[in-house]
Amino acid sequence: MARVPIDPADGREIENLIVRYAELVDDGDFAGVGELLAHTTHRGSGAPHLRS
């Protein structure tokens, strides 16, 4: 898969999101995780992942 260049400002926002997510999980604030991700769009490769 080809890599898409990311604007440095967008990259910083992604880093901040990941850090904030980790802080909320570490604190056990899962309601906060829900609020953090409430207006996000999640995408994957499209291939199903099956657990065995």
PDB file of N, CA and C in Angstrom:
ATOM      1  N   MET A   1       0.841  -1.161   0.000  1.00  0.00           N
ATOM      2  CA  MET A   1       0.000   0.000   0.000  1.00  0.00           C
ATOM      3  C   MET A   1       0.894   1.233   0.000  1.00  0.00           C
ATOM      4  N   ALA A   2       0.540   2.200  -0.829  1.00  0.00           N
ATOM      5  CA  ALA A   2       1.323   3.430  -0.924  1.00  0.00           C
ATOM      6  C   ALA A   2       1.113   4.291   0.312  1.00  0.00           C
ATOM      7  N   ARG A   3       2.171   4.930   0.750  1.00  0.00           N
ATOM      8  CA  ARG A   3       2.084   5.833   1.906  1.00  0.00           C
ATOM      9  C   ARG A   3       1.637   7.200   1.432  1.00  0.00           C
ATOM     10  N   VAL A   4       0.703   7.768   2.150  1.00  0.00           N
ATOM     11  CA  VAL A   4       0.203   9.104   1.836  1.00  0.00           C
ATOM     12  C   VAL A   4       0.933  10.091   2.733  1.00  0.00           C
ATOM     13  N   PRO A   5       1.511  11.143   2.149  1.00  0.00           N
ATOM     14  CA  PRO A   5       2.202  12.119   2.990  1.00  0.00           C
ATOM     15  C   PRO A   5       1.217  12.808   3.941  1.00  0.00           C
ATOM     16  N   ILE A   6       1.667  13.068   5.159  1.00  0.00           N
ATOM     17  CA  ILE A   6       0.837  13.707   6.174  1.00  0.00           C
ATOM     18  C   ILE A   6       1.410  15.094   6.458  1.00  0.00           C
ATOM     19  N   ASP A   7       0.527  16.066   6.484  1.00  0.00           N
ATOM     20  CA  ASP A   7       0.918  17.419   6.854  1.00  0.00           C
ATOM     21  C   ASP A   7       1.448  17.376   8.286  1.00  0.00           C
ATOM     22  N   PRO A   8       2.578  18.025   8.576  1.00  0.00           N
ATOM     23  CA  PRO A   8       3.138  17.989   9.933  1.00  0.00           C
ATOM     24  C   PRO A   8       2.144  18.402  11.017  1.00  0.00           C
ATOM     25  N   ALA A   9       1.291  19.370  10.735  1.00  0.00           N
ATOM     26  CA  ALA A   9       0.297  19.794  11.727  1.00  0.00           C
ATOM     27  C   ALA A   9      -0.702  18.676  12.002  1.00  0.00           C
ATOM     28  N   ASP A  10      -1.091  17.957  10.948  1.00  0.00           N
ATOM     29  CA  ASP A  10      -2.002  16.823  11.134  1.00  0.00           C
ATOM     30  C   ASP A  10      -1.322  15.712  11.926  1.00  0.00           C
ATOM     31  N   GLY A  11      -0.051  15.495  11.629  1.00  0.00           N
ATOM     32  CA  GLY A  11       0.702  14.475  12.359  1.00  0.00           C
ATOM     33  C   GLY A  11       0.760  14.787  13.845  1.00  0.00           C
ATOM     34  N   ARG A  12       0.946  16.048  14.183  1.00  0.00           N
ATOM     35  CA  ARG A  12       0.987  16.470  15.593  1.00  0.00           C
ATOM     36  C   ARG A  12      -0.373  16.240  16.253  1.00  0.00           C
ATOM     37  N   GLU A  13      -1.458  16.543  15.549  1.00  0.00           N
ATOM     38  CA  GLU A  13      -2.793  16.309  16.100  1.00  0.00           C
ATOM     39  C   GLU A  13      -3.031  14.822  16.352  1.00  0.00           C
ATOM     40  N   ILE A  14      -2.555  13.980  15.445  1.00  0.00           N
ATOM     41  CA  ILE A  14      -2.689  12.532  15.629  1.00  0.00           C
ATOM     42  C   ILE A  14      -1.887  12.081  16.847  1.00  0.00           C
ATOM     43  N   GLU A  15      -0.671  12.582  16.983  1.00  0.00           N
ATOM     44  CA  GLU A  15       0.152  12.248  18.155  1.00  0.00           C
ATOM     45  C   GLU A  15      -0.555  12.666  19.445  1.00  0.00           C
ATOM     46  N   ASN A  16      -1.116  13.875  19.461  1.00  0.00           N
ATOM     47  CA  ASN A  16      -1.825  14.356  20.647  1.00  0.00           C
ATOM     48  C   ASN A  16      -3.031  13.486  20.973  1.00  0.00           C
ATOM     49  N   LEU A  17      -3.746  13.050  19.943  1.00  0.00           N
ATOM     50  CA  LEU A  17      -4.895  12.170  20.142  1.00  0.00           C
ATOM     51  C   LEU A  17      -4.471  10.844  20.769  1.00  0.00           C
ATOM     52  N   ILE A  18      -3.388  10.275  20.269  1.00  0.00           N
ATOM     53  CA  ILE A  18      -2.903   8.997  20.798  1.00  0.00           C
ATOM     54  C   ILE A  18      -2.470   9.150  22.255  1.00  0.00           C
ATOM     55  N   VAL A  19      -1.771  10.238  22.560  1.00  0.00           N
ATOM     56  CA  VAL A  19      -1.329  10.482  23.938  1.00  0.00           C
ATOM     57  C   VAL A  19      -2.528  10.654  24.859  1.00  0.00           C
ATOM     58  N   ARG A  20      -3.500  11.442  24.433  1.00  0.00           N
ATOM     59  CA  ARG A  20      -4.686  11.673  25.269  1.00  0.00           C
ATOM     60  C   ARG A  20      -5.450  10.368  25.491  1.00  0.00           C
ATOM     61  N   TYR A  21      -5.583   9.551  24.446  1.00  0.00           N
ATOM     62  CA  TYR A  21      -6.238   8.247  24.555  1.00  0.00           C
ATOM     63  C   TYR A  21      -5.531   7.395  25.613  1.00  0.00           C
ATOM     64  N   ALA A  22      -4.209   7.329  25.543  1.00  0.00           N
ATOM     65  CA  ALA A  22      -3.439   6.529  26.499  1.00  0.00           C
ATOM     66  C   ALA A  22      -3.624   7.048  27.924  1.00  0.00           C
ATOM     67  N   GLU A  23      -3.632   8.368  28.092  1.00  0.00           N
ATOM     68  CA  GLU A  23      -3.837   8.940  29.428  1.00  0.00           C
ATOM     69  C   GLU A  23      -5.203   8.547  29.987  1.00  0.00           C
ATOM     70  N   LEU A  24      -6.236   8.640  29.164  1.00  0.00           N
ATOM     71  CA  LEU A  24      -7.582   8.295  29.616  1.00  0.00           C
ATOM     72  C   LEU A  24      -7.688   6.813  29.982  1.00  0.00           C
ATOM     73  N   VAL A  25      -7.097   5.955  29.158  1.00  0.00           N
ATOM     74  CA  VAL A  25      -7.130   4.514  29.450  1.00  0.00           C
ATOM     75  C   VAL A  25      -6.362   4.218  30.729  1.00  0.00           C
ATOM     76  N   ASP A  26      -5.190   4.822  30.888  1.00  0.00           N
ATOM     77  CA  ASP A  26      -4.394   4.620  32.103  1.00  0.00           C
ATOM     78  C   ASP A  26      -5.164   5.047  33.351  1.00  0.00           C
ATOM     79  N   ASP A  27      -5.963   6.100  33.219  1.00  0.00           N
ATOM     80  CA  ASP A  27      -6.750   6.592  34.350  1.00  0.00           C
ATOM     81  C   ASP A  27      -8.058   5.817  34.530  1.00  0.00           C
ATOM     82  N   GLY A  28      -8.356   4.903  33.617  1.00  0.00           N
ATOM     83  CA  GLY A  28      -9.607   4.153  33.692  1.00  0.00           C
ATOM     84  C   GLY A  28     -10.815   5.000  33.338  1.00  0.00           C
ATOM     85  N   ASP A  29     -10.604   6.086  32.618  1.00  0.00           N
ATOM     86  CA  ASP A  29     -11.686   7.006  32.251  1.00  0.00           C
ATOM     87  C   ASP A  29     -12.245   6.623  30.879  1.00  0.00           C
ATOM     88  N   PHE A  30     -13.035   5.554  30.858  1.00  0.00           N
ATOM     89  CA  PHE A  30     -13.543   5.052  29.593  1.00  0.00           C
ATOM     90  C   PHE A  30     -14.683   5.908  29.053  1.00  0.00           C
ATOM     91  N   ALA A  31     -15.361   6.631  29.933  1.00  0.00           N
ATOM     92  CA  ALA A  31     -16.342   7.614  29.457  1.00  0.00           C
ATOM     93  C   ALA A  31     -15.607   8.724  28.705  1.00  0.00           C
ATOM     94  N   GLY A  32     -14.438   9.104  29.221  1.00  0.00           N
ATOM     95  CA  GLY A  32     -13.616  10.102  28.539  1.00  0.00           C
ATOM     96  C   GLY A  32     -13.133   9.611  27.188  1.00  0.00           C
ATOM     97  N   VAL A  33     -12.796   8.318  27.094  1.00  0.00           N
ATOM     98  CA  VAL A  33     -12.405   7.734  25.802  1.00  0.00           C
ATOM     99  C   VAL A  33     -13.570   7.843  24.827  1.00  0.00           C
ATOM    100  N   GLY A  34     -14.767   7.538  25.321  1.00  0.00           N
ATOM    101  CA  GLY A  34     -15.949   7.646  24.470  1.00  0.00           C
ATOM    102  C   GLY A  34     -16.154   9.064  23.963  1.00  0.00           C
ATOM    103  N   GLU A  35     -15.969  10.035  24.849  1.00  0.00           N
ATOM    104  CA  GLU A  35     -16.100  11.438  24.447  1.00  0.00           C
ATOM    105  C   GLU A  35     -15.014  11.824  23.447  1.00  0.00           C
ATOM    106  N   LEU A  36     -13.794  11.349  23.686  1.00  0.00           N
ATOM    107  CA  LEU A  36     -12.671  11.668  22.801  1.00  0.00           C
ATOM    108  C   LEU A  36     -12.923  11.151  21.385  1.00  0.00           C
ATOM    109  N   LEU A  37     -13.516   9.969  21.293  1.00  0.00           N
ATOM    110  CA  LEU A  37     -13.697   9.327  19.986  1.00  0.00           C
ATOM    111  C   LEU A  37     -15.113   9.460  19.433  1.00  0.00           C
ATOM    112  N   ALA A  38     -15.965  10.216  20.105  1.00  0.00           N
ATOM    113  CA  ALA A  38     -17.381  10.289  19.726  1.00  0.00           C
ATOM    114  C   ALA A  38     -17.608  10.783  18.302  1.00  0.00           C
ATOM    115  N   HIS A  39     -16.778  11.658  17.822  1.00  0.00           N
ATOM    116  CA  HIS A  39     -17.009  12.245  16.499  1.00  0.00           C
ATOM    117  C   HIS A  39     -15.922  11.859  15.512  1.00  0.00           C
ATOM    118  N   THR A  40     -15.361  10.679  15.702  1.00  0.00           N
ATOM    119  CA  THR A  40     -14.293  10.222  14.812  1.00  0.00           C
ATOM    120  C   THR A  40     -14.830   9.219  13.802  1.00  0.00           C
ATOM    121  N   THR A  41     -14.073   9.023  12.764  1.00  0.00           N
ATOM    122  CA  THR A  41     -14.368   7.997  11.766  1.00  0.00           C
ATOM    123  C   THR A  41     -13.237   6.988  11.823  1.00  0.00           C
ATOM    124  N   HIS A  42     -13.591   5.734  11.933  1.00  0.00           N
ATOM    125  CA  HIS A  42     -12.600   4.668  12.026  1.00  0.00           C
ATOM    126  C   HIS A  42     -12.601   3.878  10.718  1.00  0.00           C
ATOM    127  N   ARG A  43     -11.415   3.691  10.175  1.00  0.00           N
ATOM    128  CA  ARG A  43     -11.295   2.910   8.944  1.00  0.00           C
ATOM    129  C   ARG A  43     -10.193   1.888   9.115  1.00  0.00           C
ATOM    130  N   GLY A  44     -10.369   0.774   8.434  1.00  0.00           N
ATOM    131  CA  GLY A  44      -9.361  -0.278   8.445  1.00  0.00           C
ATOM    132  C   GLY A  44      -9.036  -0.659   7.015  1.00  0.00           C
ATOM    133  N   SER A  45      -8.400  -1.787   6.875  1.00  0.00           N
ATOM    134  CA  SER A  45      -8.010  -2.253   5.554  1.00  0.00           C
ATOM    135  C   SER A  45      -9.189  -2.790   4.757  1.00  0.00           C
ATOM    136  N   GLY A  46     -10.296  -3.064   5.439  1.00  0.00           N
ATOM    137  CA  GLY A  46     -11.451  -3.649   4.778  1.00  0.00           C
ATOM    138  C   GLY A  46     -11.462  -5.158   4.850  1.00  0.00           C
ATOM    139  N   ALA A  47     -10.326  -5.746   5.156  1.00  0.00           N
ATOM    140  CA  ALA A  47     -10.257  -7.202   5.278  1.00  0.00           C
ATOM    141  C   ALA A  47     -10.754  -7.617   6.649  1.00  0.00           C
ATOM    142  N   PRO A  48     -11.651  -8.576   6.734  1.00  0.00           N
ATOM    143  CA  PRO A  48     -12.140  -8.993   8.048  1.00  0.00           C
ATOM    144  C   PRO A  48     -11.030  -9.670   8.856  1.00  0.00           C
ATOM    145  N   HIS A  49     -11.081  -9.478  10.144  1.00  0.00           N
ATOM    146  CA  HIS A  49     -10.120 -10.118  11.035  1.00  0.00           C
ATOM    147  C   HIS A  49     -10.884 -11.133  11.877  1.00  0.00           C
ATOM    148  N   LEU A  50     -10.592 -12.377  11.703  1.00  0.00           N
ATOM    149  CA  LEU A  50     -11.290 -13.434  12.417  1.00  0.00           C
ATOM    150  C   LEU A  50     -10.390 -14.026  13.465  1.00  0.00           C
ATOM    151  N   ARG A  51     -10.909 -14.141  14.656  1.00  0.00           N
ATOM    152  CA  ARG A  51     -10.133 -14.784  15.733  1.00  0.00           C
ATOM    153  C   ARG A  51     -10.387 -16.279  15.689  1.00  0.00           C
ATOM    154  N   SER A  52      -9.342 -17.022  15.991  1.00  0.00           N
ATOM    155  CA  SER A  52      -9.520 -18.479  16.000  1.00  0.00           C
ATOM    156  C   SER A  52      -9.633 -18.997  17.409  1.00  0.00           C
TER     157      SER A  52
END
